[in-house]
Amino acid sequence: MLLIRSIVRPDKKGVVLAELSKAGFHAATVVDVVGRGKQKGIKMGSMVYDEIPKTLIMIAIEDKDKDAVIGTILKSARTGDNGAFGDGKIFVSQVDDAYTISSGLKGL
């Protein structure tokens, strides 16, 4: 199992979730977050904004679905044809186990 954590622009949240669902990946956890990337925030005049609003989308998947999920996120979260700074990041982590609380069943 894998945990895919993608940090995307808030205005892309709906598109990413819709495309994941269309691809058959309906379950996700979504959290509004703030942060900054390599560009160290945004400077407008003398003001520096270093806590940029983002959305964190987490989805647990089977290993075999990795390429499909990452491809869907990359395609739907990218701004324009070539993308732009601040479009986000995708992190992939191994998950040892998962349990459904209501049933106690192990697995996704």
Protein backbone atom coordinates (compact mmCIF):
# COMPACT_ATOMS: atom_id res chain seq x y z
CA MET A 1 0.00 0.00 0.00
CA LEU A 2 1.03 3.57 -0.64
CA LEU A 3 0.01 6.94 0.74
CA ILE A 4 -0.01 9.69 -1.86
CA ARG A 5 0.12 13.19 -0.39
CA SER A 6 -0.31 15.95 -2.91
CA ILE A 7 -0.13 19.64 -2.14
CA VAL A 8 -2.07 21.61 -4.74
CA ARG A 9 -3.42 25.11 -5.30
CA PRO A 10 -6.78 25.53 -3.52
CA ASP A 11 -8.50 26.40 -6.81
CA LYS A 12 -7.40 23.01 -8.22
CA LYS A 13 -8.84 20.95 -5.34
CA GLY A 14 -12.22 20.32 -6.99
CA VAL A 15 -10.71 19.42 -10.35
CA VAL A 16 -8.17 17.02 -8.81
CA LEU A 17 -10.79 15.28 -6.66
CA ALA A 18 -13.23 15.01 -9.59
CA GLU A 19 -10.56 13.52 -11.86
CA LEU A 20 -9.42 11.06 -9.18
CA SER A 21 -13.02 9.99 -8.67
CA LYS A 22 -13.55 9.65 -12.42
CA ALA A 23 -10.46 7.39 -12.50
CA GLY A 24 -12.01 5.20 -9.77
CA PHE A 25 -10.24 6.64 -6.72
CA HIS A 26 -13.08 8.04 -4.62
CA ALA A 27 -11.66 8.01 -1.08
CA ALA A 28 -9.50 10.98 -0.08
CA THR A 29 -8.71 13.14 2.90
CA VAL A 30 -8.53 16.86 2.20
CA VAL A 31 -6.98 19.48 4.47
CA ASP A 32 -6.51 23.21 3.92
CA VAL A 33 -2.90 24.08 4.77
CA VAL A 34 -0.42 26.93 4.39
CA GLY A 35 3.21 26.77 3.40
CA ARG A 36 5.86 27.87 0.99
CA GLY A 37 8.12 26.25 -1.57
CA LYS A 38 11.59 26.92 -2.88
CA GLN A 39 10.58 30.41 -3.99
CA LYS A 40 10.22 31.34 -0.26
CA GLY A 41 6.74 32.79 -0.63
CA ILE A 42 5.51 35.73 -2.69
CA LYS A 43 6.86 39.27 -2.52
CA MET A 44 4.48 42.11 -3.43
CA GLY A 45 6.14 45.47 -2.99
CA SER A 46 7.64 45.51 0.49
CA MET A 47 5.34 42.75 1.76
CA VAL A 48 6.45 39.11 1.80
CA TYR A 49 3.78 36.44 2.07
CA ASP A 50 5.47 33.25 3.21
CA GLU A 51 2.35 31.33 4.24
CA ILE A 52 0.65 30.60 0.95
CA PRO A 53 -2.75 28.80 1.10
CA LYS A 54 -2.61 25.26 -0.34
CA THR A 55 -4.70 22.11 -0.18
CA LEU A 56 -3.32 18.76 0.97
CA ILE A 57 -5.01 15.74 -0.62
CA MET A 58 -4.15 12.34 0.85
CA ILE A 59 -5.13 9.08 -0.77
CA ALA A 60 -4.19 5.52 0.21
CA ILE A 61 -3.86 3.17 -2.76
CA GLU A 62 -2.59 -0.22 -3.82
CA ASP A 63 0.97 -0.19 -5.24
CA LYS A 64 -0.30 -1.13 -8.70
CA ASP A 65 -2.33 2.11 -8.93
CA LYS A 66 0.62 4.46 -8.30
CA ASP A 67 1.22 5.57 -11.91
CA ALA A 68 -2.49 6.12 -12.59
CA VAL A 69 -3.01 8.24 -9.47
CA ILE A 70 0.15 10.31 -9.91
CA GLY A 71 -0.60 10.87 -13.58
CA THR A 72 -4.14 12.00 -12.77
CA ILE A 73 -2.91 14.45 -10.12
CA LEU A 74 -0.14 15.82 -12.32
CA LYS A 75 -2.52 16.39 -15.21
CA SER A 76 -5.35 17.94 -13.20
CA ALA A 77 -3.31 20.06 -10.75
CA ARG A 78 -0.97 21.65 -13.30
CA THR A 79 -1.62 25.28 -14.24
CA GLY A 80 -1.62 25.77 -18.01
CA ASP A 81 0.23 23.55 -20.46
CA ASN A 82 3.67 23.88 -18.86
CA GLY A 83 2.78 24.41 -15.22
CA ALA A 84 3.94 27.23 -12.97
CA PHE A 85 5.77 27.82 -9.69
CA GLY A 86 3.43 27.04 -6.84
CA ASP A 87 1.49 24.27 -8.61
CA GLY A 88 2.43 21.91 -5.78
CA LYS A 89 4.22 18.72 -4.94
CA ILE A 90 3.45 14.99 -4.70
CA PHE A 91 4.93 12.76 -2.00
CA VAL A 92 4.72 8.95 -2.05
CA SER A 93 5.16 6.89 1.13
CA GLN A 94 4.89 3.20 1.99
CA VAL A 95 2.02 2.21 4.27
CA ASP A 96 2.60 -0.88 6.41
CA ASP A 97 -1.01 -1.47 7.41
CA ALA A 98 -4.45 0.13 7.29
CA TYR A 99 -7.51 -0.75 9.36
CA THR A 100 -11.15 0.25 9.05
CA ILE A 101 -12.22 1.42 12.49
CA SER A 102 -15.90 0.39 12.24
CA SER A 103 -15.19 -3.21 11.21
CA GLY A 104 -11.64 -3.71 12.39
CA LEU A 105 -10.79 -5.14 8.96
CA LYS A 106 -7.22 -4.82 7.72
CA GLY A 107 -6.48 -3.39 4.27
CA LEU A 108 -7.94 -0.76 2.04
